[in-house]
Amino acid sequence: MFELRSHPDIRIARRATTIAALARIISERFVQPGLRLTLDIQAKRLEHLVGQRMADFSKADIPMEGDDEDTGEDAN
């Protein structure tokens, strides 16, 4: 279980889920500033995780928009 949860993509997804839950609570209730601070910290942690994950790839590995890859969008 630890190996599965420690994968960078899983950590990013779990952090994003936490942020979504915090944002939902904040939008539905009157909350103390501490909960907003928690949301800010979680967002910064997510940004850091994504930055680390992107560093795992070189720019050559990431297709740029306009390349001949299928993006799933219709070409109308």
PDB file of N, CA and C in Angstrom:
ATOM      1  N   MET A   1       0.831  -1.190   0.000  1.00  0.00           N
ATOM      2  CA  MET A   1       0.000   0.000   0.000  1.00  0.00           C
ATOM      3  C   MET A   1       0.879   1.258   0.000  1.00  0.00           C
ATOM      4  N   PHE A   2       1.979   1.247   0.757  1.00  0.00           N
ATOM      5  CA  PHE A   2       2.861   2.403   0.820  1.00  0.00           C
ATOM      6  C   PHE A   2       3.448   2.730  -0.546  1.00  0.00           C
ATOM      7  N   GLU A   3       3.883   1.691  -1.272  1.00  0.00           N
ATOM      8  CA  GLU A   3       4.477   1.922  -2.594  1.00  0.00           C
ATOM      9  C   GLU A   3       3.472   2.557  -3.543  1.00  0.00           C
ATOM     10  N   LEU A   4       2.228   2.088  -3.487  1.00  0.00           N
ATOM     11  CA  LEU A   4       1.187   2.641  -4.358  1.00  0.00           C
ATOM     12  C   LEU A   4       0.942   4.110  -4.018  1.00  0.00           C
ATOM     13  N   ARG A   5       0.791   4.423  -2.748  1.00  0.00           N
ATOM     14  CA  ARG A   5       0.488   5.797  -2.335  1.00  0.00           C
ATOM     15  C   ARG A   5       1.664   6.740  -2.456  1.00  0.00           C
ATOM     16  N   SER A   6       2.872   6.213  -2.540  1.00  0.00           N
ATOM     17  CA  SER A   6       4.028   7.090  -2.635  1.00  0.00           C
ATOM     18  C   SER A   6       4.388   7.449  -4.073  1.00  0.00           C
ATOM     19  N   HIS A   7       3.674   6.893  -5.053  1.00  0.00           N
ATOM     20  CA  HIS A   7       3.922   7.252  -6.454  1.00  0.00           C
ATOM     21  C   HIS A   7       3.590   8.731  -6.635  1.00  0.00           C
ATOM     22  N   PRO A   8       4.444   9.483  -7.318  1.00  0.00           N
ATOM     23  CA  PRO A   8       4.237  10.934  -7.462  1.00  0.00           C
ATOM     24  C   PRO A   8       2.867  11.324  -8.023  1.00  0.00           C
ATOM     25  N   ASP A   9       2.371  10.600  -9.004  1.00  0.00           N
ATOM     26  CA  ASP A   9       1.074  10.953  -9.591  1.00  0.00           C
ATOM     27  C   ASP A   9      -0.069  10.713  -8.598  1.00  0.00           C
ATOM     28  N   ILE A  10       0.048   9.669  -7.800  1.00  0.00           N
ATOM     29  CA  ILE A  10      -0.970   9.387  -6.786  1.00  0.00           C
ATOM     30  C   ILE A  10      -0.930  10.459  -5.702  1.00  0.00           C
ATOM     31  N   ARG A  11       0.271  10.871  -5.314  1.00  0.00           N
ATOM     32  CA  ARG A  11       0.399  11.929  -4.307  1.00  0.00           C
ATOM     33  C   ARG A  11      -0.220  13.226  -4.799  1.00  0.00           C
ATOM     34  N   ILE A  12      -0.028  13.543  -6.071  1.00  0.00           N
ATOM     35  CA  ILE A  12      -0.621  14.753  -6.651  1.00  0.00           C
ATOM     36  C   ILE A  12      -2.144  14.649  -6.634  1.00  0.00           C
ATOM     37  N   ALA A  13      -2.669  13.516  -7.041  1.00  0.00           N
ATOM     38  CA  ALA A  13      -4.124  13.327  -7.077  1.00  0.00           C
ATOM     39  C   ALA A  13      -4.730  13.414  -5.675  1.00  0.00           C
ATOM     40  N   ARG A  14      -4.075  12.813  -4.700  1.00  0.00           N
ATOM     41  CA  ARG A  14      -4.578  12.854  -3.324  1.00  0.00           C
ATOM     42  C   ARG A  14      -4.544  14.278  -2.773  1.00  0.00           C
ATOM     43  N   ARG A  15      -3.485  15.012  -3.071  1.00  0.00           N
ATOM     44  CA  ARG A  15      -3.378  16.397  -2.606  1.00  0.00           C
ATOM     45  C   ARG A  15      -4.468  17.250  -3.246  1.00  0.00           C
ATOM     46  N   ALA A  16      -4.734  17.039  -4.536  1.00  0.00           N
ATOM     47  CA  ALA A  16      -5.787  17.787  -5.225  1.00  0.00           C
ATOM     48  C   ALA A  16      -7.160  17.466  -4.625  1.00  0.00           C
ATOM     49  N   THR A  17      -7.372  16.221  -4.241  1.00  0.00           N
ATOM     50  CA  THR A  17      -8.628  15.828  -3.598  1.00  0.00           C
ATOM     51  C   THR A  17      -8.783  16.536  -2.258  1.00  0.00           C
ATOM     52  N   THR A  18      -7.713  16.623  -1.506  1.00  0.00           N
ATOM     53  CA  THR A  18      -7.740  17.326  -0.228  1.00  0.00           C
ATOM     54  C   THR A  18      -8.088  18.796  -0.426  1.00  0.00           C
ATOM     55  N   ILE A  19      -7.482  19.414  -1.439  1.00  0.00           N
ATOM     56  CA  ILE A  19      -7.757  20.821  -1.734  1.00  0.00           C
ATOM     57  C   ILE A  19      -9.227  21.007  -2.114  1.00  0.00           C
ATOM     58  N   ALA A  20      -9.742  20.110  -2.924  1.00  0.00           N
ATOM     59  CA  ALA A  20     -11.146  20.208  -3.335  1.00  0.00           C
ATOM     60  C   ALA A  20     -12.082  20.097  -2.130  1.00  0.00           C
ATOM     61  N   ALA A  21     -11.775  19.194  -1.215  1.00  0.00           N
ATOM     62  CA  ALA A  21     -12.609  19.029  -0.027  1.00  0.00           C
ATOM     63  C   ALA A  21     -12.552  20.278   0.859  1.00  0.00           C
ATOM     64  N   LEU A  22     -11.361  20.822   1.041  1.00  0.00           N
ATOM     65  CA  LEU A  22     -11.235  22.050   1.831  1.00  0.00           C
ATOM     66  C   LEU A  22     -11.988  23.211   1.184  1.00  0.00           C
ATOM     67  N   ALA A  23     -11.854  23.355  -0.116  1.00  0.00           N
ATOM     68  CA  ALA A  23     -12.538  24.441  -0.827  1.00  0.00           C
ATOM     69  C   ALA A  23     -14.053  24.299  -0.711  1.00  0.00           C
ATOM     70  N   ARG A  24     -14.535  23.063  -0.777  1.00  0.00           N
ATOM     71  CA  ARG A  24     -15.984  22.826  -0.635  1.00  0.00           C
ATOM     72  C   ARG A  24     -16.463  23.245   0.754  1.00  0.00           C
ATOM     73  N   ILE A  25     -15.726  22.856   1.775  1.00  0.00           N
ATOM     74  CA  ILE A  25     -16.098  23.212   3.143  1.00  0.00           C
ATOM     75  C   ILE A  25     -16.084  24.724   3.322  1.00  0.00           C
ATOM     76  N   ILE A  26     -15.058  25.384   2.818  1.00  0.00           N
ATOM     77  CA  ILE A  26     -14.943  26.837   2.943  1.00  0.00           C
ATOM     78  C   ILE A  26     -16.094  27.534   2.235  1.00  0.00           C
ATOM     79  N   SER A  27     -16.493  27.023   1.081  1.00  0.00           N
ATOM     80  CA  SER A  27     -17.571  27.671   0.323  1.00  0.00           C
ATOM     81  C   SER A  27     -18.948  27.438   0.943  1.00  0.00           C
ATOM     82  N   GLU A  28     -19.096  26.391   1.733  1.00  0.00           N
ATOM     83  CA  GLU A  28     -20.400  26.049   2.291  1.00  0.00           C
ATOM     84  C   GLU A  28     -20.633  26.592   3.696  1.00  0.00           C
ATOM     85  N   ARG A  29     -19.570  26.970   4.394  1.00  0.00           N
ATOM     86  CA  ARG A  29     -19.703  27.355   5.792  1.00  0.00           C
ATOM     87  C   ARG A  29     -18.948  28.639   6.094  1.00  0.00           C
ATOM     88  N   PHE A  30     -19.269  29.193   7.241  1.00  0.00           N
ATOM     89  CA  PHE A  30     -18.472  30.288   7.771  1.00  0.00           C
ATOM     90  C   PHE A  30     -17.319  29.637   8.519  1.00  0.00           C
ATOM     91  N   VAL A  31     -16.097  29.887   8.077  1.00  0.00           N
ATOM     92  CA  VAL A  31     -14.947  29.217   8.685  1.00  0.00           C
ATOM     93  C   VAL A  31     -13.959  30.236   9.231  1.00  0.00           C
ATOM     94  N   GLN A  32     -13.123  29.761  10.118  1.00  0.00           N
ATOM     95  CA  GLN A  32     -12.071  30.589  10.698  1.00  0.00           C
ATOM     96  C   GLN A  32     -10.958  30.782   9.663  1.00  0.00           C
ATOM     97  N   PRO A  33     -10.177  31.845   9.804  1.00  0.00           N
ATOM     98  CA  PRO A  33      -9.077  32.087   8.859  1.00  0.00           C
ATOM     99  C   PRO A  33      -8.068  30.940   8.802  1.00  0.00           C
ATOM    100  N   GLY A  34      -7.964  30.167   9.859  1.00  0.00           N
ATOM    101  CA  GLY A  34      -7.022  29.050   9.879  1.00  0.00           C
ATOM    102  C   GLY A  34      -7.298  28.019   8.806  1.00  0.00           C
ATOM    103  N   LEU A  35      -8.561  27.790   8.499  1.00  0.00           N
ATOM    104  CA  LEU A  35      -8.898  26.825   7.456  1.00  0.00           C
ATOM    105  C   LEU A  35      -8.501  27.353   6.082  1.00  0.00           C
ATOM    106  N   ARG A  36      -8.635  28.651   5.875  1.00  0.00           N
ATOM    107  CA  ARG A  36      -8.173  29.252   4.619  1.00  0.00           C
ATOM    108  C   ARG A  36      -6.653  29.175   4.513  1.00  0.00           C
ATOM    109  N   LEU A  37      -5.963  29.338   5.632  1.00  0.00           N
ATOM    110  CA  LEU A  37      -4.513  29.191   5.657  1.00  0.00           C
ATOM    111  C   LEU A  37      -4.124  27.754   5.305  1.00  0.00           C
ATOM    112  N   THR A  38      -4.874  26.802   5.828  1.00  0.00           N
ATOM    113  CA  THR A  38      -4.633  25.393   5.505  1.00  0.00           C
ATOM    114  C   THR A  38      -4.793  25.150   4.009  1.00  0.00           C
ATOM    115  N   LEU A  39      -5.824  25.739   3.418  1.00  0.00           N
ATOM    116  CA  LEU A  39      -6.033  25.610   1.976  1.00  0.00           C
ATOM    117  C   LEU A  39      -4.843  26.194   1.207  1.00  0.00           C
ATOM    118  N   ASP A  40      -4.363  27.333   1.625  1.00  0.00           N
ATOM    119  CA  ASP A  40      -3.215  27.972   0.983  1.00  0.00           C
ATOM    120  C   ASP A  40      -1.971  27.077   1.071  1.00  0.00           C
ATOM    121  N   ILE A  41      -1.730  26.517   2.233  1.00  0.00           N
ATOM    122  CA  ILE A  41      -0.570  25.637   2.418  1.00  0.00           C
ATOM    123  C   ILE A  41      -0.694  24.394   1.552  1.00  0.00           C
ATOM    124  N   GLN A  42      -1.877  23.815   1.504  1.00  0.00           N
ATOM    125  CA  GLN A  42      -2.091  22.624   0.677  1.00  0.00           C
ATOM    126  C   GLN A  42      -1.860  22.934  -0.801  1.00  0.00           C
ATOM    127  N   ALA A  43      -2.296  24.118  -1.241  1.00  0.00           N
ATOM    128  CA  ALA A  43      -2.092  24.512  -2.641  1.00  0.00           C
ATOM    129  C   ALA A  43      -0.606  24.679  -2.945  1.00  0.00           C
ATOM    130  N   LYS A  44       0.135  25.240  -2.012  1.00  0.00           N
ATOM    131  CA  LYS A  44       1.577  25.383  -2.202  1.00  0.00           C
ATOM    132  C   LYS A  44       2.267  24.018  -2.246  1.00  0.00           C
ATOM    133  N   ARG A  45       1.810  23.094  -1.424  1.00  0.00           N
ATOM    134  CA  ARG A  45       2.365  21.741  -1.442  1.00  0.00           C
ATOM    135  C   ARG A  45       2.076  21.055  -2.777  1.00  0.00           C
ATOM    136  N   LEU A  46       0.860  21.258  -3.292  1.00  0.00           N
ATOM    137  CA  LEU A  46       0.515  20.692  -4.597  1.00  0.00           C
ATOM    138  C   LEU A  46       1.412  21.267  -5.684  1.00  0.00           C
ATOM    139  N   GLU A  47       1.621  22.578  -5.647  1.00  0.00           N
ATOM    140  CA  GLU A  47       2.491  23.221  -6.628  1.00  0.00           C
ATOM    141  C   GLU A  47       3.902  22.628  -6.567  1.00  0.00           C
ATOM    142  N   HIS A  48       4.393  22.395  -5.363  1.00  0.00           N
ATOM    143  CA  HIS A  48       5.719  21.816  -5.192  1.00  0.00           C
ATOM    144  C   HIS A  48       5.778  20.390  -5.744  1.00  0.00           C
ATOM    145  N   LEU A  49       4.752  19.581  -5.451  1.00  0.00           N
ATOM    146  CA  LEU A  49       4.717  18.201  -5.958  1.00  0.00           C
ATOM    147  C   LEU A  49       4.692  18.174  -7.484  1.00  0.00           C
ATOM    148  N   VAL A  50       3.900  19.050  -8.078  1.00  0.00           N
ATOM    149  CA  VAL A  50       3.807  19.102  -9.540  1.00  0.00           C
ATOM    150  C   VAL A  50       5.142  19.553 -10.129  1.00  0.00           C
ATOM    151  N   GLY A  51       5.782  20.516  -9.502  1.00  0.00           N
ATOM    152  CA  GLY A  51       7.090  20.961  -9.973  1.00  0.00           C
ATOM    153  C   GLY A  51       8.123  19.849  -9.932  1.00  0.00           C
ATOM    154  N   GLN A  52       8.104  19.069  -8.853  1.00  0.00           N
ATOM    155  CA  GLN A  52       9.014  17.927  -8.752  1.00  0.00           C
ATOM    156  C   GLN A  52       8.721  16.903  -9.837  1.00  0.00           C
ATOM    157  N   ARG A  53       7.440  16.651 -10.065  1.00  0.00           N
ATOM    158  CA  ARG A  53       7.053  15.645 -11.058  1.00  0.00           C
ATOM    159  C   ARG A  53       7.447  16.088 -12.462  1.00  0.00           C
ATOM    160  N   MET A  54       7.245  17.354 -12.772  1.00  0.00           N
ATOM    161  CA  MET A  54       7.604  17.852 -14.097  1.00  0.00           C
ATOM    162  C   MET A  54       9.112  17.823 -14.308  1.00  0.00           C
ATOM    163  N   ALA A  55       9.874  17.983 -13.243  1.00  0.00           N
ATOM    164  CA  ALA A  55      11.327  17.919 -13.344  1.00  0.00           C
ATOM    165  C   ALA A  55      11.796  16.510 -13.715  1.00  0.00           C
ATOM    166  N   ASP A  56      10.932  15.524 -13.490  1.00  0.00           N
ATOM    167  CA  ASP A  56      11.273  14.139 -13.846  1.00  0.00           C
ATOM    168  C   ASP A  56      11.336  13.939 -15.362  1.00  0.00           C
ATOM    169  N   PHE A  57      10.746  14.847 -16.090  1.00  0.00           N
ATOM    170  CA  PHE A  57      10.676  14.723 -17.538  1.00  0.00           C
ATOM    171  C   PHE A  57      11.484  15.835 -18.190  1.00  0.00           C
ATOM    172  N   SER A  58      12.114  15.517 -19.286  1.00  0.00           N
ATOM    173  CA  SER A  58      12.787  16.573 -20.030  1.00  0.00           C
ATOM    174  C   SER A  58      11.771  17.236 -20.950  1.00  0.00           C
ATOM    175  N   LYS A  59      12.069  18.414 -21.431  1.00  0.00           N
ATOM    176  CA  LYS A  59      11.145  19.117 -22.322  1.00  0.00           C
ATOM    177  C   LYS A  59      10.871  18.327 -23.589  1.00  0.00           C
ATOM    178  N   ALA A  60      11.810  17.512 -24.012  1.00  0.00           N
ATOM    179  CA  ALA A  60      11.622  16.708 -25.217  1.00  0.00           C
ATOM    180  C   ALA A  60      10.560  15.641 -25.007  1.00  0.00           C
ATOM    181  N   ASP A  61      10.333  15.240 -23.763  1.00  0.00           N
ATOM    182  CA  ASP A  61       9.351  14.203 -23.467  1.00  0.00           C
ATOM    183  C   ASP A  61       7.918  14.726 -23.463  1.00  0.00           C
ATOM    184  N   ILE A  62       7.769  16.043 -23.352  1.00  0.00           N
ATOM    185  CA  ILE A  62       6.436  16.626 -23.239  1.00  0.00           C
ATOM    186  C   ILE A  62       6.010  17.175 -24.589  1.00  0.00           C
ATOM    187  N   PRO A  63       4.943  16.599 -25.182  1.00  0.00           N
ATOM    188  CA  PRO A  63       4.494  17.099 -26.482  1.00  0.00           C
ATOM    189  C   PRO A  63       3.907  18.498 -26.341  1.00  0.00           C
ATOM    190  N   MET A  64       4.261  19.359 -27.258  1.00  0.00           N
ATOM    191  CA  MET A  64       3.744  20.716 -27.260  1.00  0.00           C
ATOM    192  C   MET A  64       2.459  20.751 -28.071  1.00  0.00           C
ATOM    193  N   GLU A  65       1.584  21.666 -27.742  1.00  0.00           N
ATOM    194  CA  GLU A  65       0.349  21.792 -28.477  1.00  0.00           C
ATOM    195  C   GLU A  65       0.665  22.144 -29.927  1.00  0.00           C
ATOM    196  N   GLY A  66      -0.034  21.524 -30.831  1.00  0.00           N
ATOM    197  CA  GLY A  66       0.233  21.744 -32.237  1.00  0.00           C
ATOM    198  C   GLY A  66       1.039  20.603 -32.837  1.00  0.00           C
ATOM    199  N   ASP A  67       1.647  19.776 -31.956  1.00  0.00           N
ATOM    200  CA  ASP A  67       2.326  18.589 -32.463  1.00  0.00           C
ATOM    201  C   ASP A  67       1.279  17.671 -33.076  1.00  0.00           C
ATOM    202  N   ASP A  68       1.719  16.692 -33.791  1.00  0.00           N
ATOM    203  CA  ASP A  68       0.791  15.814 -34.491  1.00  0.00           C
ATOM    204  C   ASP A  68       0.199  14.727 -33.597  1.00  0.00           C
ATOM    205  N   GLU A  69       0.018  15.010 -32.334  1.00  0.00           N
ATOM    206  CA  GLU A  69      -0.598  14.043 -31.439  1.00  0.00           C
ATOM    207  C   GLU A  69      -2.083  14.320 -31.338  1.00  0.00           C
ATOM    208  N   ASP A  70      -2.825  13.258 -31.075  1.00  0.00           N
ATOM    209  CA  ASP A  70      -4.272  13.384 -30.905  1.00  0.00           C
ATOM    210  C   ASP A  70      -4.564  13.922 -29.505  1.00  0.00           C
ATOM    211  N   THR A  71      -5.199  15.088 -29.420  1.00  0.00           N
ATOM    212  CA  THR A  71      -5.500  15.693 -28.144  1.00  0.00           C
ATOM    213  C   THR A  71      -6.898  15.336 -27.675  1.00  0.00           C
ATOM    214  N   GLY A  72      -7.641  14.602 -28.491  1.00  0.00           N
ATOM    215  CA  GLY A  72      -9.001  14.249 -28.134  1.00  0.00           C
ATOM    216  C   GLY A  72     -10.010  15.305 -28.526  1.00  0.00           C
ATOM    217  N   GLU A  73      -9.549  16.396 -29.082  1.00  0.00           N
ATOM    218  CA  GLU A  73     -10.446  17.466 -29.512  1.00  0.00           C
ATOM    219  C   GLU A  73     -10.758  17.314 -30.993  1.00  0.00           C
ATOM    220  N   ASP A  74     -11.962  17.723 -31.354  1.00  0.00           N
ATOM    221  CA  ASP A  74     -12.345  17.679 -32.758  1.00  0.00           C
ATOM    222  C   ASP A  74     -11.610  18.781 -33.521  1.00  0.00           C
ATOM    223  N   ALA A  75     -11.196  18.456 -34.739  1.00  0.00           N
ATOM    224  CA  ALA A  75     -10.478  19.432 -35.573  1.00  0.00           C
ATOM    225  C   ALA A  75     -11.441  20.091 -36.554  1.00  0.00           C
ATOM    226  N   ASN A  76     -12.475  20.741 -36.032  1.00  0.00           N
ATOM    227  CA  ASN A  76     -13.460  21.396 -36.896  1.00  0.00           C
ATOM    228  C   ASN A  76     -13.021  22.745 -37.294  1.00  0.00           C
TER     229      ASN A  76
END
